[in-house]
Amino acid sequence: SLLLETADPPLLLYAQGRLDLLGAPAVAVVGSRNPSAQGIDNARAFAQHLSQAGLTIVSGMALGIDGAAHEGGLAGRGSTIAVVGTGLDLIYPSRHRALAHRIAKDGLLVSEFDLGTPPLRENFPQRNRLIAGLSRGTLVVEAALPSGSLITARQALEAGRDVFAIPGSIHSPQSRGCHALI
């Protein structure tokens, strides 16, 4: 139902896993594909605590912060939703094959792309709008300027959702996006 409140809801969704999670209260946790070790720890810890509190963690299954967020979500009772920028029959990135199988079993994989759709560059901003749209709020853990995470944050704000950011070192390029949000 939250997707219907957005400016551009999808016509259909492909899903694999626990469909009940689509109706659960959710928060997005997003960030850099090249995070610091502290960023990975923060993403996993925040996602796990939020999931333990009953929130479903929504992210994009990218390397870095997204993967850590999904792991944290799976460790709590709220679980996780992975919104992917490919068809559900293709796992991208391939390094997340085991994570995707865990999410399909204990969480939910979601895509608006037809089966067989490869990881095309233009699919990922479209995927980000679903991450923001499925969530009551978006937490940005680490993000450079510019970044897909800031696109997700902007889309969340445009949908009237809350946006949160974790500050980092003033010397880290991976913290500049969070600092700009703050």
N, C-alpha and C. Protein backbone atom coordinates (compact mmCIF):
# COMPACT_ATOMS: atom_id res chain seq x y z
N SER A 1 0.82 -1.20 0.00
CA SER A 1 0.00 0.00 0.00
C SER A 1 0.86 1.26 0.00
N LEU A 2 2.06 1.21 0.60
CA LEU A 2 2.93 2.39 0.60
C LEU A 2 3.37 2.76 -0.82
N LEU A 3 3.56 1.78 -1.66
CA LEU A 3 3.96 2.07 -3.04
C LEU A 3 2.89 2.87 -3.78
N LEU A 4 1.62 2.63 -3.43
CA LEU A 4 0.54 3.35 -4.09
C LEU A 4 0.52 4.83 -3.73
N GLU A 5 1.20 5.20 -2.65
CA GLU A 5 1.28 6.60 -2.23
C GLU A 5 2.40 7.35 -2.93
N THR A 6 3.19 6.66 -3.75
CA THR A 6 4.30 7.30 -4.45
C THR A 6 3.84 7.86 -5.80
N ALA A 7 4.65 8.74 -6.37
CA ALA A 7 4.29 9.39 -7.63
C ALA A 7 4.27 8.42 -8.81
N ASP A 8 5.07 7.36 -8.75
CA ASP A 8 5.20 6.44 -9.88
C ASP A 8 5.21 4.99 -9.40
N PRO A 9 4.06 4.48 -8.90
CA PRO A 9 4.06 3.10 -8.41
C PRO A 9 4.23 2.12 -9.57
N PRO A 10 4.83 0.97 -9.31
CA PRO A 10 5.02 -0.02 -10.37
C PRO A 10 3.68 -0.63 -10.79
N LEU A 11 3.60 -1.05 -12.04
CA LEU A 11 2.38 -1.72 -12.51
C LEU A 11 2.27 -3.12 -11.94
N LEU A 12 3.41 -3.79 -11.75
CA LEU A 12 3.42 -5.12 -11.16
C LEU A 12 4.76 -5.37 -10.52
N LEU A 13 4.78 -6.32 -9.62
CA LEU A 13 6.02 -6.72 -8.95
C LEU A 13 6.19 -8.23 -9.08
N TYR A 14 7.40 -8.65 -9.32
CA TYR A 14 7.76 -10.06 -9.21
C TYR A 14 8.30 -10.24 -7.81
N ALA A 15 7.94 -11.33 -7.17
CA ALA A 15 8.39 -11.53 -5.80
C ALA A 15 8.70 -13.00 -5.55
N GLN A 16 9.69 -13.23 -4.69
CA GLN A 16 10.05 -14.58 -4.29
C GLN A 16 10.36 -14.56 -2.80
N GLY A 17 9.60 -15.33 -2.04
CA GLY A 17 9.83 -15.39 -0.60
C GLY A 17 8.57 -15.07 0.18
N ARG A 18 8.74 -14.38 1.28
CA ARG A 18 7.66 -14.09 2.23
C ARG A 18 6.88 -12.85 1.80
N LEU A 19 5.77 -13.06 1.11
CA LEU A 19 4.95 -11.95 0.63
C LEU A 19 4.37 -11.11 1.76
N ASP A 20 4.22 -11.69 2.96
CA ASP A 20 3.68 -10.94 4.10
C ASP A 20 4.55 -9.73 4.44
N LEU A 21 5.82 -9.76 4.07
CA LEU A 21 6.71 -8.64 4.39
C LEU A 21 6.33 -7.37 3.63
N LEU A 22 5.60 -7.50 2.52
CA LEU A 22 5.19 -6.30 1.78
C LEU A 22 4.23 -5.43 2.59
N GLY A 23 3.53 -6.02 3.56
CA GLY A 23 2.61 -5.27 4.40
C GLY A 23 3.17 -4.90 5.76
N ALA A 24 4.41 -5.29 6.01
CA ALA A 24 5.03 -5.02 7.31
C ALA A 24 5.63 -3.62 7.35
N PRO A 25 5.68 -3.00 8.53
CA PRO A 25 6.37 -1.71 8.63
C PRO A 25 7.85 -1.89 8.28
N ALA A 26 8.35 -1.00 7.43
CA ALA A 26 9.70 -1.19 6.92
C ALA A 26 10.49 0.12 6.92
N VAL A 27 11.80 -0.03 6.99
CA VAL A 27 12.73 1.09 6.86
C VAL A 27 13.83 0.67 5.89
N ALA A 28 14.20 1.58 4.99
CA ALA A 28 15.29 1.32 4.06
C ALA A 28 16.62 1.64 4.73
N VAL A 29 17.62 0.81 4.45
CA VAL A 29 18.99 1.08 4.89
C VAL A 29 19.85 0.99 3.64
N VAL A 30 20.44 2.11 3.25
CA VAL A 30 21.20 2.18 2.00
C VAL A 30 22.54 2.87 2.23
N GLY A 31 23.43 2.70 1.26
CA GLY A 31 24.72 3.36 1.36
C GLY A 31 25.68 2.91 0.29
N SER A 32 26.92 3.20 0.50
CA SER A 32 27.99 3.03 -0.47
C SER A 32 28.25 1.57 -0.82
N ARG A 33 28.66 1.35 -2.08
CA ARG A 33 29.14 0.03 -2.49
C ARG A 33 30.60 -0.16 -2.06
N ASN A 34 31.26 0.92 -1.66
CA ASN A 34 32.67 0.88 -1.24
C ASN A 34 32.81 1.50 0.15
N PRO A 35 32.15 0.93 1.14
CA PRO A 35 32.13 1.56 2.47
C PRO A 35 33.40 1.27 3.27
N SER A 36 33.52 2.01 4.34
CA SER A 36 34.57 1.72 5.33
C SER A 36 34.14 0.52 6.16
N ALA A 37 35.09 -0.03 6.90
CA ALA A 37 34.77 -1.14 7.81
C ALA A 37 33.74 -0.68 8.84
N GLN A 38 33.88 0.56 9.32
CA GLN A 38 32.92 1.10 10.28
C GLN A 38 31.53 1.23 9.66
N GLY A 39 31.47 1.61 8.39
CA GLY A 39 30.20 1.70 7.69
C GLY A 39 29.50 0.36 7.61
N ILE A 40 30.23 -0.69 7.29
CA ILE A 40 29.67 -2.05 7.25
C ILE A 40 29.14 -2.43 8.62
N ASP A 41 29.94 -2.19 9.66
CA ASP A 41 29.51 -2.52 11.02
C ASP A 41 28.26 -1.73 11.41
N ASN A 42 28.22 -0.44 11.07
CA ASN A 42 27.06 0.39 11.40
C ASN A 42 25.81 -0.10 10.67
N ALA A 43 25.94 -0.40 9.38
CA ALA A 43 24.79 -0.87 8.61
C ALA A 43 24.23 -2.16 9.19
N ARG A 44 25.09 -3.12 9.47
CA ARG A 44 24.66 -4.40 10.02
C ARG A 44 24.01 -4.21 11.39
N ALA A 45 24.65 -3.42 12.26
CA ALA A 45 24.14 -3.22 13.63
C ALA A 45 22.81 -2.47 13.63
N PHE A 46 22.73 -1.36 12.89
CA PHE A 46 21.47 -0.61 12.85
C PHE A 46 20.35 -1.48 12.27
N ALA A 47 20.64 -2.19 11.18
CA ALA A 47 19.62 -3.05 10.57
C ALA A 47 19.17 -4.14 11.52
N GLN A 48 20.10 -4.75 12.23
CA GLN A 48 19.73 -5.81 13.17
C GLN A 48 18.87 -5.26 14.30
N HIS A 49 19.23 -4.12 14.86
CA HIS A 49 18.44 -3.53 15.94
C HIS A 49 17.05 -3.13 15.46
N LEU A 50 16.97 -2.54 14.28
CA LEU A 50 15.66 -2.17 13.73
C LEU A 50 14.82 -3.41 13.45
N SER A 51 15.45 -4.45 12.93
CA SER A 51 14.75 -5.70 12.66
C SER A 51 14.29 -6.37 13.95
N GLN A 52 15.14 -6.33 14.99
CA GLN A 52 14.75 -6.87 16.29
C GLN A 52 13.54 -6.14 16.85
N ALA A 53 13.42 -4.85 16.52
CA ALA A 53 12.27 -4.05 16.98
C ALA A 53 11.02 -4.31 16.14
N GLY A 54 11.14 -5.18 15.12
CA GLY A 54 9.98 -5.56 14.33
C GLY A 54 9.88 -4.88 12.97
N LEU A 55 10.86 -4.06 12.61
CA LEU A 55 10.83 -3.41 11.30
C LEU A 55 11.50 -4.29 10.25
N THR A 56 10.95 -4.30 9.07
CA THR A 56 11.56 -5.01 7.95
C THR A 56 12.58 -4.08 7.30
N ILE A 57 13.74 -4.60 6.99
CA ILE A 57 14.82 -3.82 6.38
C ILE A 57 14.73 -3.96 4.86
N VAL A 58 14.67 -2.83 4.17
CA VAL A 58 14.60 -2.81 2.71
C VAL A 58 15.91 -2.23 2.17
N SER A 59 16.50 -2.92 1.20
CA SER A 59 17.71 -2.42 0.57
C SER A 59 17.81 -3.01 -0.83
N GLY A 60 18.92 -2.71 -1.52
CA GLY A 60 19.03 -3.03 -2.93
C GLY A 60 19.96 -4.16 -3.29
N MET A 61 20.46 -4.92 -2.35
CA MET A 61 21.32 -6.08 -2.52
C MET A 61 22.64 -5.78 -3.24
N ALA A 62 23.04 -4.51 -3.26
CA ALA A 62 24.34 -4.16 -3.83
C ALA A 62 25.44 -4.58 -2.87
N LEU A 63 26.67 -4.56 -3.36
CA LEU A 63 27.82 -4.80 -2.49
C LEU A 63 27.88 -3.69 -1.45
N GLY A 64 28.56 -3.94 -0.36
CA GLY A 64 28.78 -2.91 0.65
C GLY A 64 27.66 -2.79 1.65
N ILE A 65 27.17 -1.57 1.82
CA ILE A 65 26.17 -1.26 2.84
C ILE A 65 24.90 -2.08 2.65
N ASP A 66 24.42 -2.22 1.41
CA ASP A 66 23.17 -2.97 1.17
C ASP A 66 23.29 -4.40 1.68
N GLY A 67 24.37 -5.07 1.32
CA GLY A 67 24.54 -6.46 1.77
C GLY A 67 24.58 -6.57 3.28
N ALA A 68 25.29 -5.66 3.94
CA ALA A 68 25.36 -5.66 5.41
C ALA A 68 23.99 -5.40 6.01
N ALA A 69 23.21 -4.51 5.39
CA ALA A 69 21.85 -4.22 5.88
C ALA A 69 20.97 -5.46 5.78
N HIS A 70 21.05 -6.18 4.67
CA HIS A 70 20.25 -7.40 4.54
C HIS A 70 20.65 -8.44 5.58
N GLU A 71 21.96 -8.58 5.81
CA GLU A 71 22.42 -9.53 6.83
C GLU A 71 21.88 -9.16 8.21
N GLY A 72 21.93 -7.87 8.54
CA GLY A 72 21.39 -7.42 9.82
C GLY A 72 19.89 -7.65 9.90
N GLY A 73 19.17 -7.40 8.82
CA GLY A 73 17.73 -7.63 8.80
C GLY A 73 17.39 -9.09 9.02
N LEU A 74 18.14 -9.98 8.39
CA LEU A 74 17.90 -11.43 8.55
C LEU A 74 18.19 -11.89 9.97
N ALA A 75 19.04 -11.18 10.70
CA ALA A 75 19.39 -11.56 12.07
C ALA A 75 18.31 -11.16 13.08
N GLY A 76 17.35 -10.35 12.68
CA GLY A 76 16.28 -9.92 13.58
C GLY A 76 14.95 -10.52 13.17
N ARG A 77 13.92 -10.25 13.94
CA ARG A 77 12.61 -10.84 13.65
C ARG A 77 11.86 -10.14 12.52
N GLY A 78 12.30 -8.94 12.13
CA GLY A 78 11.63 -8.20 11.07
C GLY A 78 11.99 -8.65 9.67
N SER A 79 13.15 -9.30 9.51
CA SER A 79 13.67 -9.82 8.25
C SER A 79 14.04 -8.72 7.27
N THR A 80 14.03 -9.03 5.97
CA THR A 80 14.52 -8.08 4.98
C THR A 80 13.83 -8.27 3.63
N ILE A 81 13.76 -7.18 2.88
CA ILE A 81 13.30 -7.19 1.49
C ILE A 81 14.44 -6.66 0.63
N ALA A 82 14.84 -7.45 -0.38
CA ALA A 82 15.85 -7.02 -1.34
C ALA A 82 15.16 -6.62 -2.63
N VAL A 83 15.26 -5.35 -2.99
CA VAL A 83 14.71 -4.86 -4.25
C VAL A 83 15.86 -4.88 -5.25
N VAL A 84 15.69 -5.66 -6.31
CA VAL A 84 16.80 -5.85 -7.24
C VAL A 84 16.54 -5.13 -8.57
N GLY A 85 17.61 -4.82 -9.27
CA GLY A 85 17.53 -4.10 -10.54
C GLY A 85 17.66 -5.02 -11.75
N THR A 86 17.33 -6.30 -11.55
CA THR A 86 17.39 -7.30 -12.61
C THR A 86 16.11 -8.13 -12.53
N GLY A 87 15.98 -9.10 -13.44
CA GLY A 87 14.94 -10.10 -13.26
C GLY A 87 15.28 -10.97 -12.07
N LEU A 88 14.28 -11.55 -11.43
CA LEU A 88 14.55 -12.35 -10.23
C LEU A 88 15.34 -13.62 -10.52
N ASP A 89 15.42 -14.01 -11.78
CA ASP A 89 16.18 -15.21 -12.13
C ASP A 89 17.68 -14.94 -12.26
N LEU A 90 18.09 -13.68 -12.19
CA LEU A 90 19.51 -13.31 -12.27
C LEU A 90 19.95 -12.70 -10.95
N ILE A 91 21.02 -13.22 -10.40
CA ILE A 91 21.53 -12.68 -9.13
C ILE A 91 22.68 -11.73 -9.44
N TYR A 92 22.49 -10.47 -9.02
CA TYR A 92 23.51 -9.46 -9.24
C TYR A 92 23.66 -8.63 -7.98
N PRO A 93 24.87 -8.49 -7.49
CA PRO A 93 26.11 -9.07 -7.98
C PRO A 93 26.21 -10.55 -7.65
N SER A 94 26.95 -11.28 -8.45
CA SER A 94 27.04 -12.74 -8.27
C SER A 94 27.64 -13.12 -6.92
N ARG A 95 28.43 -12.22 -6.34
CA ARG A 95 29.00 -12.51 -5.00
C ARG A 95 27.91 -12.63 -3.93
N HIS A 96 26.71 -12.16 -4.23
CA HIS A 96 25.62 -12.23 -3.26
C HIS A 96 24.69 -13.43 -3.51
N ARG A 97 25.19 -14.42 -4.22
CA ARG A 97 24.37 -15.61 -4.51
C ARG A 97 23.84 -16.25 -3.22
N ALA A 98 24.71 -16.51 -2.26
CA ALA A 98 24.27 -17.15 -1.00
C ALA A 98 23.31 -16.23 -0.24
N LEU A 99 23.59 -14.93 -0.22
CA LEU A 99 22.70 -13.98 0.45
C LEU A 99 21.33 -13.98 -0.22
N ALA A 100 21.28 -13.99 -1.54
CA ALA A 100 20.00 -14.01 -2.26
C ALA A 100 19.20 -15.25 -1.92
N HIS A 101 19.86 -16.39 -1.80
CA HIS A 101 19.15 -17.62 -1.44
C HIS A 101 18.60 -17.55 -0.02
N ARG A 102 19.37 -16.95 0.90
CA ARG A 102 18.88 -16.77 2.28
C ARG A 102 17.68 -15.84 2.31
N ILE A 103 17.75 -14.75 1.51
CA ILE A 103 16.65 -13.80 1.48
C ILE A 103 15.40 -14.45 0.88
N ALA A 104 15.56 -15.23 -0.18
CA ALA A 104 14.41 -15.91 -0.79
C ALA A 104 13.75 -16.87 0.19
N LYS A 105 14.53 -17.45 1.09
CA LYS A 105 14.01 -18.40 2.07
C LYS A 105 13.39 -17.70 3.29
N ASP A 106 14.07 -16.69 3.83
CA ASP A 106 13.64 -16.08 5.10
C ASP A 106 13.19 -14.63 4.97
N GLY A 107 13.32 -14.04 3.80
CA GLY A 107 12.92 -12.67 3.55
C GLY A 107 12.15 -12.60 2.24
N LEU A 108 12.38 -11.56 1.47
CA LEU A 108 11.65 -11.38 0.22
C LEU A 108 12.53 -10.71 -0.82
N LEU A 109 12.58 -11.29 -2.03
CA LEU A 109 13.22 -10.68 -3.19
C LEU A 109 12.13 -10.05 -4.03
N VAL A 110 12.34 -8.81 -4.49
CA VAL A 110 11.32 -8.09 -5.26
C VAL A 110 11.99 -7.43 -6.48
N SER A 111 11.28 -7.45 -7.61
CA SER A 111 11.73 -6.75 -8.81
C SER A 111 10.52 -6.35 -9.62
N GLU A 112 10.63 -5.24 -10.34
CA GLU A 112 9.59 -4.90 -11.30
C GLU A 112 10.03 -5.24 -12.72
N PHE A 113 11.21 -5.85 -12.85
CA PHE A 113 11.76 -6.19 -14.15
C PHE A 113 11.43 -7.64 -14.52
N ASP A 114 11.15 -7.85 -15.80
CA ASP A 114 10.83 -9.18 -16.30
C ASP A 114 11.99 -10.14 -16.07
N LEU A 115 11.66 -11.42 -15.97
CA LEU A 115 12.69 -12.44 -15.87
C LEU A 115 13.63 -12.29 -17.07
N GLY A 116 14.92 -12.51 -16.82
CA GLY A 116 15.91 -12.38 -17.87
C GLY A 116 16.48 -10.98 -18.05
N THR A 117 15.93 -9.99 -17.33
CA THR A 117 16.45 -8.62 -17.46
C THR A 117 17.83 -8.54 -16.81
N PRO A 118 18.85 -8.15 -17.58
CA PRO A 118 20.21 -8.07 -17.02
C PRO A 118 20.39 -6.80 -16.19
N PRO A 119 21.53 -6.68 -15.50
CA PRO A 119 21.79 -5.49 -14.68
C PRO A 119 22.18 -4.29 -15.53
N LEU A 120 21.19 -3.59 -16.07
CA LEU A 120 21.42 -2.41 -16.89
C LEU A 120 21.51 -1.17 -16.01
N ARG A 121 22.41 -0.28 -16.35
CA ARG A 121 22.66 0.92 -15.55
C ARG A 121 21.38 1.71 -15.25
N GLU A 122 20.51 1.84 -16.24
CA GLU A 122 19.29 2.64 -16.07
C GLU A 122 18.26 1.99 -15.15
N ASN A 123 18.43 0.72 -14.82
CA ASN A 123 17.48 0.04 -13.94
C ASN A 123 17.64 0.42 -12.47
N PHE A 124 18.82 0.86 -12.09
CA PHE A 124 19.08 1.03 -10.67
C PHE A 124 18.44 2.27 -10.05
N PRO A 125 18.38 3.43 -10.72
CA PRO A 125 17.58 4.53 -10.15
C PRO A 125 16.10 4.16 -10.05
N GLN A 126 15.61 3.37 -11.00
CA GLN A 126 14.22 2.91 -10.96
C GLN A 126 14.02 1.97 -9.77
N ARG A 127 14.99 1.09 -9.52
CA ARG A 127 14.95 0.20 -8.35
C ARG A 127 14.95 1.02 -7.07
N ASN A 128 15.75 2.10 -7.04
CA ASN A 128 15.85 2.91 -5.83
C ASN A 128 14.52 3.53 -5.43
N ARG A 129 13.68 3.89 -6.41
CA ARG A 129 12.38 4.48 -6.08
C ARG A 129 11.50 3.44 -5.37
N LEU A 130 11.67 2.15 -5.68
CA LEU A 130 10.91 1.10 -4.98
C LEU A 130 11.42 0.92 -3.56
N ILE A 131 12.73 1.01 -3.38
CA ILE A 131 13.31 0.92 -2.03
C ILE A 131 12.70 2.01 -1.16
N ALA A 132 12.69 3.24 -1.66
CA ALA A 132 12.12 4.36 -0.91
C ALA A 132 10.62 4.19 -0.73
N GLY A 133 9.94 3.72 -1.77
CA GLY A 133 8.49 3.60 -1.74
C GLY A 133 7.96 2.52 -0.81
N LEU A 134 8.72 1.47 -0.59
CA LEU A 134 8.30 0.38 0.30
C LEU A 134 8.55 0.70 1.77
N SER A 135 9.22 1.80 2.04
CA SER A 135 9.70 2.09 3.39
C SER A 135 9.06 3.34 3.98
N ARG A 136 8.88 3.31 5.29
CA ARG A 136 8.36 4.49 6.00
C ARG A 136 9.45 5.53 6.18
N GLY A 137 10.70 5.10 6.11
CA GLY A 137 11.84 6.00 6.24
C GLY A 137 13.06 5.37 5.60
N THR A 138 14.07 6.20 5.36
CA THR A 138 15.31 5.73 4.74
C THR A 138 16.49 6.18 5.59
N LEU A 139 17.34 5.24 5.96
CA LEU A 139 18.57 5.51 6.70
C LEU A 139 19.74 5.39 5.73
N VAL A 140 20.49 6.48 5.56
CA VAL A 140 21.68 6.47 4.72
C VAL A 140 22.88 6.31 5.65
N VAL A 141 23.64 5.23 5.45
CA VAL A 141 24.75 4.92 6.34
C VAL A 141 26.04 5.59 5.88
N GLU A 142 26.44 5.41 4.64
CA GLU A 142 27.58 6.09 4.04
C GLU A 142 27.22 6.36 2.59
N ALA A 143 27.54 7.56 2.11
CA ALA A 143 27.23 7.89 0.72
C ALA A 143 28.15 9.01 0.25
N ALA A 144 28.69 8.82 -0.93
CA ALA A 144 29.49 9.87 -1.55
C ALA A 144 28.57 10.87 -2.24
N LEU A 145 29.16 11.94 -2.73
CA LEU A 145 28.43 12.91 -3.55
C LEU A 145 28.89 12.75 -4.98
N PRO A 146 28.10 12.54 -5.95
CA PRO A 146 26.72 12.09 -5.91
C PRO A 146 26.69 10.56 -5.72
N SER A 147 25.51 10.01 -5.45
CA SER A 147 25.41 8.56 -5.27
C SER A 147 23.97 8.10 -5.43
N GLY A 148 23.82 6.81 -5.67
CA GLY A 148 22.49 6.21 -5.75
C GLY A 148 21.76 6.31 -4.42
N SER A 149 22.51 6.30 -3.33
CA SER A 149 21.89 6.41 -2.01
C SER A 149 21.19 7.76 -1.84
N LEU A 150 21.80 8.81 -2.39
CA LEU A 150 21.18 10.13 -2.30
C LEU A 150 19.97 10.23 -3.23
N ILE A 151 19.98 9.48 -4.32
CA ILE A 151 18.78 9.39 -5.17
C ILE A 151 17.65 8.76 -4.37
N THR A 152 17.96 7.67 -3.66
CA THR A 152 16.94 7.01 -2.83
C THR A 152 16.43 7.96 -1.76
N ALA A 153 17.33 8.70 -1.11
CA ALA A 153 16.92 9.66 -0.07
C ALA A 153 16.02 10.73 -0.67
N ARG A 154 16.37 11.27 -1.85
CA ARG A 154 15.54 12.28 -2.50
C ARG A 154 14.16 11.72 -2.82
N GLN A 155 14.11 10.49 -3.32
CA GLN A 155 12.83 9.88 -3.66
C GLN A 155 11.99 9.65 -2.40
N ALA A 156 12.63 9.30 -1.30
CA ALA A 156 11.91 9.15 -0.03
C ALA A 156 11.32 10.48 0.40
N LEU A 157 12.10 11.54 0.33
CA LEU A 157 11.61 12.87 0.70
C LEU A 157 10.44 13.29 -0.19
N GLU A 158 10.55 13.04 -1.49
CA GLU A 158 9.48 13.39 -2.42
C GLU A 158 8.20 12.62 -2.13
N ALA A 159 8.34 11.42 -1.54
CA ALA A 159 7.16 10.62 -1.18
C ALA A 159 6.66 10.97 0.22
N GLY A 160 7.28 11.96 0.86
CA GLY A 160 6.85 12.38 2.19
C GLY A 160 7.32 11.47 3.31
N ARG A 161 8.38 10.75 3.07
CA ARG A 161 8.93 9.82 4.07
C ARG A 161 10.10 10.48 4.80
N ASP A 162 10.43 9.93 5.96
CA ASP A 162 11.55 10.43 6.75
C ASP A 162 12.87 9.95 6.15
N VAL A 163 13.90 10.77 6.29
CA VAL A 163 15.25 10.40 5.88
C VAL A 163 16.19 10.65 7.05
N PHE A 164 17.03 9.68 7.33
CA PHE A 164 18.00 9.74 8.42
C PHE A 164 19.39 9.51 7.84
N ALA A 165 20.42 10.04 8.46
CA ALA A 165 21.78 9.84 7.99
C ALA A 165 22.71 9.68 9.17
N ILE A 166 23.67 8.78 9.03
CA ILE A 166 24.69 8.58 10.06
C ILE A 166 25.92 9.40 9.68
N PRO A 167 26.35 10.32 10.53
CA PRO A 167 27.54 11.10 10.20
C PRO A 167 28.80 10.24 10.27
N GLY A 168 29.82 10.67 9.55
CA GLY A 168 31.10 9.98 9.56
C GLY A 168 32.22 10.98 9.65
N SER A 169 33.40 10.52 9.35
CA SER A 169 34.58 11.39 9.40
C SER A 169 34.45 12.54 8.40
N ILE A 170 34.85 13.72 8.82
CA ILE A 170 34.84 14.87 7.92
C ILE A 170 35.87 14.72 6.80
N HIS A 171 36.77 13.76 6.93
CA HIS A 171 37.81 13.54 5.94
C HIS A 171 37.45 12.45 4.93
N SER A 172 36.34 11.76 5.14
CA SER A 172 35.97 10.63 4.29
C SER A 172 35.03 11.06 3.17
N PRO A 173 35.41 10.80 1.91
CA PRO A 173 34.49 11.08 0.80
C PRO A 173 33.18 10.28 0.90
N GLN A 174 33.24 9.12 1.58
CA GLN A 174 32.06 8.27 1.73
C GLN A 174 31.08 8.83 2.77
N SER A 175 31.46 9.89 3.45
CA SER A 175 30.56 10.52 4.43
C SER A 175 29.95 11.81 3.93
N ARG A 176 30.42 12.32 2.81
CA ARG A 176 29.96 13.63 2.33
C ARG A 176 28.46 13.65 2.00
N GLY A 177 27.93 12.56 1.47
CA GLY A 177 26.50 12.51 1.18
C GLY A 177 25.67 12.56 2.45
N CYS A 178 26.09 11.83 3.47
CA CYS A 178 25.38 11.87 4.76
C CYS A 178 25.45 13.25 5.37
N HIS A 179 26.62 13.88 5.31
CA HIS A 179 26.76 15.22 5.87
C HIS A 179 25.88 16.22 5.12
N ALA A 180 25.78 16.07 3.80
CA ALA A 180 24.90 16.97 3.03
C ALA A 180 23.44 16.79 3.44
N LEU A 181 23.02 15.55 3.71
CA LEU A 181 21.65 15.30 4.16
C LEU A 181 21.40 15.92 5.53
N ILE A 182 22.37 15.79 6.42
CA ILE A 182 22.23 16.34 7.76
C ILE A 182 22.15 17.86 7.68
